[in-house]
């Protein structure tokens, strides 16, 4: 048998009892708003792009959006860092 907590009713249902926790994507998006430029070695950037790639399909829309934006910026930086041929 499982126990469940009763749902709030009436006016109490409209009053939040705790702050909602930010999703990883919301935290990342907030942090990225302040990031304008960073200098890292190309291998570190390539590794970071690989590590963030799985988040491109995350079920959380904010995580997906932040991952997509960051991944695109990383790939652009990697392309710009490639030696001319």
N, C-alpha and C. Protein backbone atom coordinates (compact mmCIF):
# COMPACT_ATOMS: atom_id res chain seq x y z
N UNK A 1 0.84 -1.17 0.00
CA UNK A 1 0.00 0.00 0.00
C UNK A 1 0.89 1.25 0.00
N UNK A 2 0.55 2.20 -0.82
CA UNK A 2 1.33 3.42 -0.89
C UNK A 2 0.57 4.55 -0.23
N UNK A 3 1.30 5.49 0.31
CA UNK A 3 0.64 6.65 0.91
C UNK A 3 0.83 7.84 -0.01
N UNK A 4 -0.18 8.62 -0.13
CA UNK A 4 -0.10 9.83 -0.94
C UNK A 4 -0.49 11.01 -0.08
N UNK A 5 0.07 12.14 -0.39
CA UNK A 5 -0.26 13.36 0.33
C UNK A 5 -1.49 13.97 -0.31
N UNK A 6 -2.41 14.47 0.49
CA UNK A 6 -3.60 15.10 -0.10
C UNK A 6 -3.20 16.37 -0.86
N UNK A 7 -3.86 16.60 -1.95
CA UNK A 7 -3.61 17.79 -2.76
C UNK A 7 -4.26 19.00 -2.10
N UNK A 8 -3.64 20.17 -2.15
CA UNK A 8 -4.24 21.37 -1.58
C UNK A 8 -5.54 21.71 -2.29
N UNK A 9 -6.46 22.27 -1.56
CA UNK A 9 -7.76 22.65 -2.13
C UNK A 9 -8.04 24.12 -1.84
N UNK A 10 -8.92 24.69 -2.62
CA UNK A 10 -9.34 26.07 -2.40
C UNK A 10 -8.20 27.06 -2.60
N UNK A 11 -8.18 28.09 -1.76
CA UNK A 11 -7.17 29.13 -1.88
C UNK A 11 -5.76 28.60 -1.65
N UNK A 12 -5.59 27.60 -0.80
CA UNK A 12 -4.25 27.08 -0.53
C UNK A 12 -3.62 26.46 -1.76
N UNK A 13 -4.43 26.04 -2.71
CA UNK A 13 -3.87 25.46 -3.93
C UNK A 13 -3.22 26.53 -4.80
N UNK A 14 -3.58 27.78 -4.58
CA UNK A 14 -3.02 28.89 -5.37
C UNK A 14 -1.78 29.49 -4.74
N UNK A 15 -1.48 29.13 -3.51
CA UNK A 15 -0.34 29.71 -2.79
C UNK A 15 0.82 28.72 -2.85
N UNK A 16 1.90 29.09 -3.51
CA UNK A 16 3.03 28.17 -3.57
C UNK A 16 3.63 27.97 -2.18
N UNK A 17 3.94 26.73 -1.85
CA UNK A 17 4.50 26.48 -0.53
C UNK A 17 6.01 26.32 -0.56
N UNK A 18 6.58 26.25 -1.73
CA UNK A 18 8.04 26.14 -1.86
C UNK A 18 8.42 26.65 -3.24
N UNK A 19 9.64 27.16 -3.34
CA UNK A 19 10.13 27.61 -4.65
C UNK A 19 10.37 26.39 -5.52
N UNK A 20 10.03 26.50 -6.77
CA UNK A 20 10.31 25.39 -7.68
C UNK A 20 11.80 25.37 -7.96
N UNK A 21 12.33 24.18 -8.10
CA UNK A 21 13.75 24.04 -8.36
C UNK A 21 14.01 24.23 -9.85
N UNK A 22 15.09 24.94 -10.13
CA UNK A 22 15.48 25.18 -11.52
C UNK A 22 15.98 23.87 -12.13
N UNK A 23 15.64 23.67 -13.40
CA UNK A 23 16.14 22.50 -14.12
C UNK A 23 17.60 22.75 -14.49
N UNK A 24 18.33 21.69 -14.83
CA UNK A 24 19.72 21.89 -15.27
C UNK A 24 19.81 22.85 -16.45
N UNK A 25 18.88 22.77 -17.37
CA UNK A 25 18.89 23.66 -18.53
C UNK A 25 18.67 25.11 -18.15
N UNK A 26 17.77 25.34 -17.20
CA UNK A 26 17.54 26.71 -16.75
C UNK A 26 18.77 27.27 -16.05
N UNK A 27 19.44 26.45 -15.26
CA UNK A 27 20.68 26.91 -14.61
C UNK A 27 21.75 27.20 -15.65
N UNK A 28 21.89 26.30 -16.63
CA UNK A 28 22.90 26.50 -17.68
C UNK A 28 22.60 27.76 -18.48
N UNK A 29 21.33 27.95 -18.84
CA UNK A 29 20.96 29.12 -19.63
C UNK A 29 21.26 30.40 -18.85
N UNK A 30 20.98 30.39 -17.55
CA UNK A 30 21.26 31.56 -16.72
C UNK A 30 22.75 31.85 -16.67
N UNK A 31 23.55 30.81 -16.52
CA UNK A 31 25.00 30.99 -16.47
C UNK A 31 25.55 31.44 -17.81
N UNK A 32 25.00 30.93 -18.91
CA UNK A 32 25.51 31.28 -20.23
C UNK A 32 25.21 32.73 -20.61
N UNK A 33 24.17 33.30 -20.00
CA UNK A 33 23.86 34.70 -20.29
C UNK A 33 25.04 35.61 -19.92
N UNK A 34 25.85 35.17 -18.97
CA UNK A 34 26.96 35.98 -18.50
C UNK A 34 28.28 35.64 -19.18
N UNK A 35 28.29 34.59 -19.98
CA UNK A 35 29.52 34.16 -20.64
C UNK A 35 29.59 34.78 -22.02
N UNK A 36 30.60 35.57 -22.23
CA UNK A 36 30.77 36.21 -23.52
C UNK A 36 31.99 35.67 -24.26
N UNK A 37 33.01 35.31 -23.51
CA UNK A 37 34.24 34.85 -24.14
C UNK A 37 35.02 33.96 -23.16
N UNK A 38 35.61 32.92 -23.72
CA UNK A 38 36.46 32.03 -22.91
C UNK A 38 37.57 31.51 -23.80
N UNK A 39 38.72 31.27 -23.22
CA UNK A 39 39.85 30.73 -23.96
C UNK A 39 40.20 29.38 -23.37
N UNK A 40 40.10 28.34 -24.21
CA UNK A 40 40.44 26.98 -23.78
C UNK A 40 41.19 26.29 -24.91
N UNK A 41 42.01 25.30 -24.59
CA UNK A 41 42.70 24.54 -25.64
C UNK A 41 41.67 23.81 -26.53
N UNK A 42 41.99 23.67 -27.80
CA UNK A 42 41.08 23.03 -28.77
C UNK A 42 40.68 21.62 -28.33
N UNK A 43 41.61 20.77 -27.83
CA UNK A 43 41.18 19.44 -27.39
C UNK A 43 40.15 19.47 -26.26
N UNK A 44 40.26 20.45 -25.38
CA UNK A 44 39.29 20.58 -24.28
C UNK A 44 37.94 20.99 -24.85
N UNK A 45 37.94 21.90 -25.81
CA UNK A 45 36.71 22.33 -26.45
C UNK A 45 36.05 21.17 -27.20
N UNK A 46 36.85 20.37 -27.90
CA UNK A 46 36.31 19.21 -28.62
C UNK A 46 35.69 18.21 -27.64
N UNK A 47 36.36 17.97 -26.53
CA UNK A 47 35.83 17.05 -25.52
C UNK A 47 34.54 17.59 -24.92
N UNK A 48 34.49 18.87 -24.66
CA UNK A 48 33.29 19.48 -24.10
C UNK A 48 32.12 19.36 -25.07
N UNK A 49 32.38 19.55 -26.36
CA UNK A 49 31.32 19.41 -27.36
C UNK A 49 30.78 17.98 -27.37
N UNK A 50 31.65 17.01 -27.23
CA UNK A 50 31.20 15.61 -27.18
C UNK A 50 30.40 15.34 -25.91
N UNK A 51 30.83 15.92 -24.80
CA UNK A 51 30.14 15.68 -23.54
C UNK A 51 28.75 16.32 -23.50
N UNK A 52 28.58 17.44 -24.16
CA UNK A 52 27.29 18.12 -24.14
C UNK A 52 26.31 17.55 -25.18
N UNK A 53 26.82 16.85 -26.16
CA UNK A 53 25.97 16.32 -27.24
C UNK A 53 24.78 15.49 -26.76
N UNK A 54 24.92 14.62 -25.75
CA UNK A 54 23.74 13.86 -25.31
C UNK A 54 22.61 14.73 -24.77
N UNK A 55 22.92 15.93 -24.31
CA UNK A 55 21.89 16.82 -23.79
C UNK A 55 21.04 17.45 -24.90
N UNK A 56 21.46 17.26 -26.16
CA UNK A 56 20.69 17.81 -27.28
C UNK A 56 19.32 17.15 -27.41
N UNK A 57 19.16 15.98 -26.83
CA UNK A 57 17.88 15.26 -26.89
C UNK A 57 17.25 15.12 -25.50
N UNK A 58 17.65 15.95 -24.55
CA UNK A 58 17.11 15.89 -23.20
C UNK A 58 15.61 16.19 -23.22
N UNK A 59 14.83 15.53 -22.37
CA UNK A 59 13.38 15.79 -22.36
C UNK A 59 13.02 17.19 -21.85
N UNK A 60 13.91 17.81 -21.07
CA UNK A 60 13.63 19.15 -20.57
C UNK A 60 13.91 20.18 -21.66
N UNK A 61 12.91 20.96 -22.07
CA UNK A 61 13.11 21.93 -23.16
C UNK A 61 14.18 22.97 -22.87
N UNK A 62 14.28 23.44 -21.63
CA UNK A 62 15.30 24.45 -21.31
C UNK A 62 16.70 23.85 -21.43
N UNK A 63 16.86 22.61 -21.00
CA UNK A 63 18.16 21.93 -21.12
C UNK A 63 18.50 21.75 -22.59
N UNK A 64 17.53 21.30 -23.39
CA UNK A 64 17.74 21.09 -24.83
C UNK A 64 18.14 22.39 -25.51
N UNK A 65 17.43 23.46 -25.19
CA UNK A 65 17.70 24.76 -25.83
C UNK A 65 19.10 25.26 -25.47
N UNK A 66 19.46 25.19 -24.20
CA UNK A 66 20.79 25.65 -23.78
C UNK A 66 21.88 24.77 -24.39
N UNK A 67 21.66 23.45 -24.41
CA UNK A 67 22.66 22.54 -24.98
C UNK A 67 22.84 22.81 -26.47
N UNK A 68 21.75 23.05 -27.16
CA UNK A 68 21.83 23.31 -28.60
C UNK A 68 22.61 24.59 -28.88
N UNK A 69 22.34 25.63 -28.12
CA UNK A 69 23.04 26.90 -28.32
C UNK A 69 24.53 26.76 -28.01
N UNK A 70 24.84 26.11 -26.89
CA UNK A 70 26.25 25.96 -26.50
C UNK A 70 26.98 25.05 -27.48
N UNK A 71 26.34 23.96 -27.88
CA UNK A 71 26.97 23.01 -28.81
C UNK A 71 27.29 23.70 -30.14
N UNK A 72 26.34 24.49 -30.63
CA UNK A 72 26.56 25.21 -31.88
C UNK A 72 27.74 26.18 -31.76
N UNK A 73 27.82 26.89 -30.64
CA UNK A 73 28.93 27.83 -30.44
C UNK A 73 30.26 27.09 -30.35
N UNK A 74 30.24 25.91 -29.72
CA UNK A 74 31.47 25.12 -29.62
C UNK A 74 31.92 24.63 -30.98
N UNK A 75 30.97 24.14 -31.78
CA UNK A 75 31.33 23.66 -33.12
C UNK A 75 31.86 24.79 -33.99
N UNK A 76 31.27 25.96 -33.88
CA UNK A 76 31.74 27.12 -34.63
C UNK A 76 33.17 27.48 -34.21
N UNK A 77 33.41 27.46 -32.91
CA UNK A 77 34.76 27.77 -32.41
C UNK A 77 35.77 26.72 -32.88
N UNK A 78 35.36 25.47 -32.92
CA UNK A 78 36.26 24.41 -33.40
C UNK A 78 36.58 24.60 -34.88
N UNK A 79 35.56 24.96 -35.65
CA UNK A 79 35.79 25.20 -37.09
C UNK A 79 36.72 26.39 -37.30
N UNK A 80 36.52 27.44 -36.50
CA UNK A 80 37.37 28.63 -36.61
C UNK A 80 38.81 28.34 -36.19
N UNK A 81 38.99 27.36 -35.31
CA UNK A 81 40.33 27.03 -34.81
C UNK A 81 41.08 26.08 -35.74
N UNK A 82 40.34 25.47 -36.70
CA UNK A 82 40.98 24.52 -37.61
C UNK A 82 42.00 25.26 -38.48
N UNK A 83 43.16 24.64 -38.70
CA UNK A 83 44.17 25.30 -39.56
C UNK A 83 43.67 25.42 -41.00
N UNK A 84 44.07 26.47 -41.65
CA UNK A 84 43.68 26.68 -43.06
C UNK A 84 44.34 25.63 -43.92
N UNK A 85 43.63 25.21 -44.95
CA UNK A 85 44.18 24.19 -45.85
C UNK A 85 44.40 24.75 -47.21
